[in-house]
C-alpha atoms as a PDB file:
ATOM      1  CA  MET A   1      -7.751   4.457  20.713  1.00  0.00           C
ATOM      2  CA  GLU A   2      -7.408   1.270  18.875  1.00  0.00           C
ATOM      3  CA  HIS A   3     -11.438   0.299  19.961  1.00  0.00           C
ATOM      4  CA  GLU A   4     -11.786   4.059  17.623  1.00  0.00           C
ATOM      5  CA  VAL A   5      -9.251   2.638  15.267  1.00  0.00           C
ATOM      6  CA  ALA A   6     -11.354  -0.368  14.303  1.00  0.00           C
ATOM      7  CA  LEU A   7     -14.886   0.948  14.816  1.00  0.00           C
ATOM      8  CA  ASP A   8     -13.705   3.575  12.192  1.00  0.00           C
ATOM      9  CA  LEU A   9     -12.757   0.825   9.861  1.00  0.00           C
ATOM     10  CA  ALA A  10     -15.491  -1.000  10.244  1.00  0.00           C
ATOM     11  CA  ILE A  11     -18.110   1.697   9.525  1.00  0.00           C
ATOM     12  CA  LEU A  12     -15.759   2.521   6.859  1.00  0.00           C
ATOM     13  CA  TYR A  13     -15.805  -1.093   5.020  1.00  0.00           C
ATOM     14  CA  TYR A  14     -19.850  -1.421   5.851  1.00  0.00           C
ATOM     15  CA  ARG A  15     -20.193   2.003   4.213  1.00  0.00           C
ATOM     16  CA  GLN A  16     -18.492   1.068   1.035  1.00  0.00           C
ATOM     17  CA  GLY A  17     -20.181  -2.068   1.073  1.00  0.00           C
ATOM     18  CA  LEU A  18     -17.121  -4.305   1.496  1.00  0.00           C
ATOM     19  CA  ILE A  19     -18.369  -6.458   4.280  1.00  0.00           C
ATOM     20  CA  SER A  20     -21.487  -7.279   6.344  1.00  0.00           C
ATOM     21  CA  SER A  21     -22.730  -5.583   9.299  1.00  0.00           C
ATOM     22  CA  GLY A  22     -22.511  -8.843  11.174  1.00  0.00           C
ATOM     23  CA  LYS A  23     -18.544  -8.830  10.068  1.00  0.00           C
ATOM     24  CA  ALA A  24     -18.356  -4.663  10.263  1.00  0.00           C
ATOM     25  CA  SER A  25     -20.026  -5.936  14.029  1.00  0.00           C
ATOM     26  CA  GLU A  26     -16.795  -8.521  14.774  1.00  0.00           C
ATOM     27  CA  LEU A  27     -13.926  -5.946  13.386  1.00  0.00           C
ATOM     28  CA  SER A  28     -14.979  -3.633  15.832  1.00  0.00           C
ATOM     29  CA  GLY A  29     -15.336  -5.773  18.378  1.00  0.00           C
ATOM     30  CA  LEU A  30     -18.641  -4.471  19.334  1.00  0.00           C
ATOM     31  CA  THR A  31     -21.892  -6.705  19.398  1.00  0.00           C
ATOM     32  CA  HIS A  32     -24.155  -6.702  16.568  1.00  0.00           C
ATOM     33  CA  LEU A  33     -26.688  -4.108  18.369  1.00  0.00           C
ATOM     34  CA  GLU A  34     -23.915  -2.457  19.813  1.00  0.00           C
ATOM     35  CA  PHE A  35     -22.610  -1.664  16.172  1.00  0.00           C
ATOM     36  CA  GLU A  36     -25.929  -0.581  14.761  1.00  0.00           C
ATOM     37  CA  LYS A  37     -26.212   1.779  17.625  1.00  0.00           C
ATOM     38  CA  GLN A  38     -23.143   3.231  16.164  1.00  0.00           C
ATOM     39  CA  LEU A  39     -24.364   3.232  13.047  1.00  0.00           C
ATOM     40  CA  THR A  40     -27.868   5.027  13.961  1.00  0.00           C
ATOM     41  CA  GLU A  41     -25.855   7.570  16.532  1.00  0.00           C
ATOM     42  CA  GLN A  42     -23.691   8.475  13.855  1.00  0.00           C
ATOM     43  CA  ARG A  43     -26.389   9.111  11.062  1.00  0.00           C
ATOM     44  CA  ILE A  44     -25.091   5.935   8.802  1.00  0.00           C
ATOM     45  CA  GLU A  45     -27.121   4.787   6.044  1.00  0.00           C
ATOM     46  CA  ARG A  46     -27.392   1.701   5.649  1.00  0.00           C
ATOM     47  CA  PRO A  47     -26.735   0.002   2.849  1.00  0.00           C
ATOM     48  CA  GLY A  48     -29.985  -2.237   1.401  1.00  0.00           C
ATOM     49  CA  SER A  49     -28.709  -4.547  -1.228  1.00  0.00           C
ATOM     50  CA  LEU A  50     -29.991  -7.841  -1.137  1.00  0.00           C
ATOM     51  CA  GLU A  51     -25.904  -8.982  -1.108  1.00  0.00           C
ATOM     52  CA  HIS A  52     -25.515  -7.205   2.194  1.00  0.00           C
ATOM     53  CA  LEU A  53     -28.978  -8.992   3.713  1.00  0.00           C
ATOM     54  CA  ARG A  54     -27.458 -12.569   2.392  1.00  0.00           C
ATOM     55  CA  GLN A  55     -24.161 -11.417   4.054  1.00  0.00           C
ATOM     56  CA  ASP A  56     -26.143 -10.593   7.192  1.00  0.00           C
ATOM     57  CA  LEU A  57     -28.053 -14.080   7.328  1.00  0.00           C
ATOM     58  CA  GLU A  58     -25.213 -16.181   7.071  1.00  0.00           C
ATOM     59  CA  TRP A  59     -23.570 -13.942   9.696  1.00  0.00           C
ATOM     60  CA  ALA A  60     -26.508 -14.400  12.267  1.00  0.00           C
ATOM     61  CA  ARG A  61     -26.723 -17.950  11.434  1.00  0.00           C
ATOM     62  CA  THR A  62     -22.711 -18.594  12.557  1.00  0.00           C
ATOM     63  CA  LYS A  63     -23.455 -17.168  15.949  1.00  0.00           C
ATOM     64  CA  SER A  64     -26.707 -19.171  16.315  1.00  0.00           C
END
């Protein structure tokens, strides 16, 4: 149940534009790919702002 709550919160914060998908994947405890898969399965629309893209790129740089 704890995992489901973390995933729900991550999706909520992501949908509201409060965190990037990279941060949301960390919060949910999933890999970035697994989190993206969850978004697709739940038909969650991805925000398309340049700020989110910048945040995701920064997150990816810290993971490499």
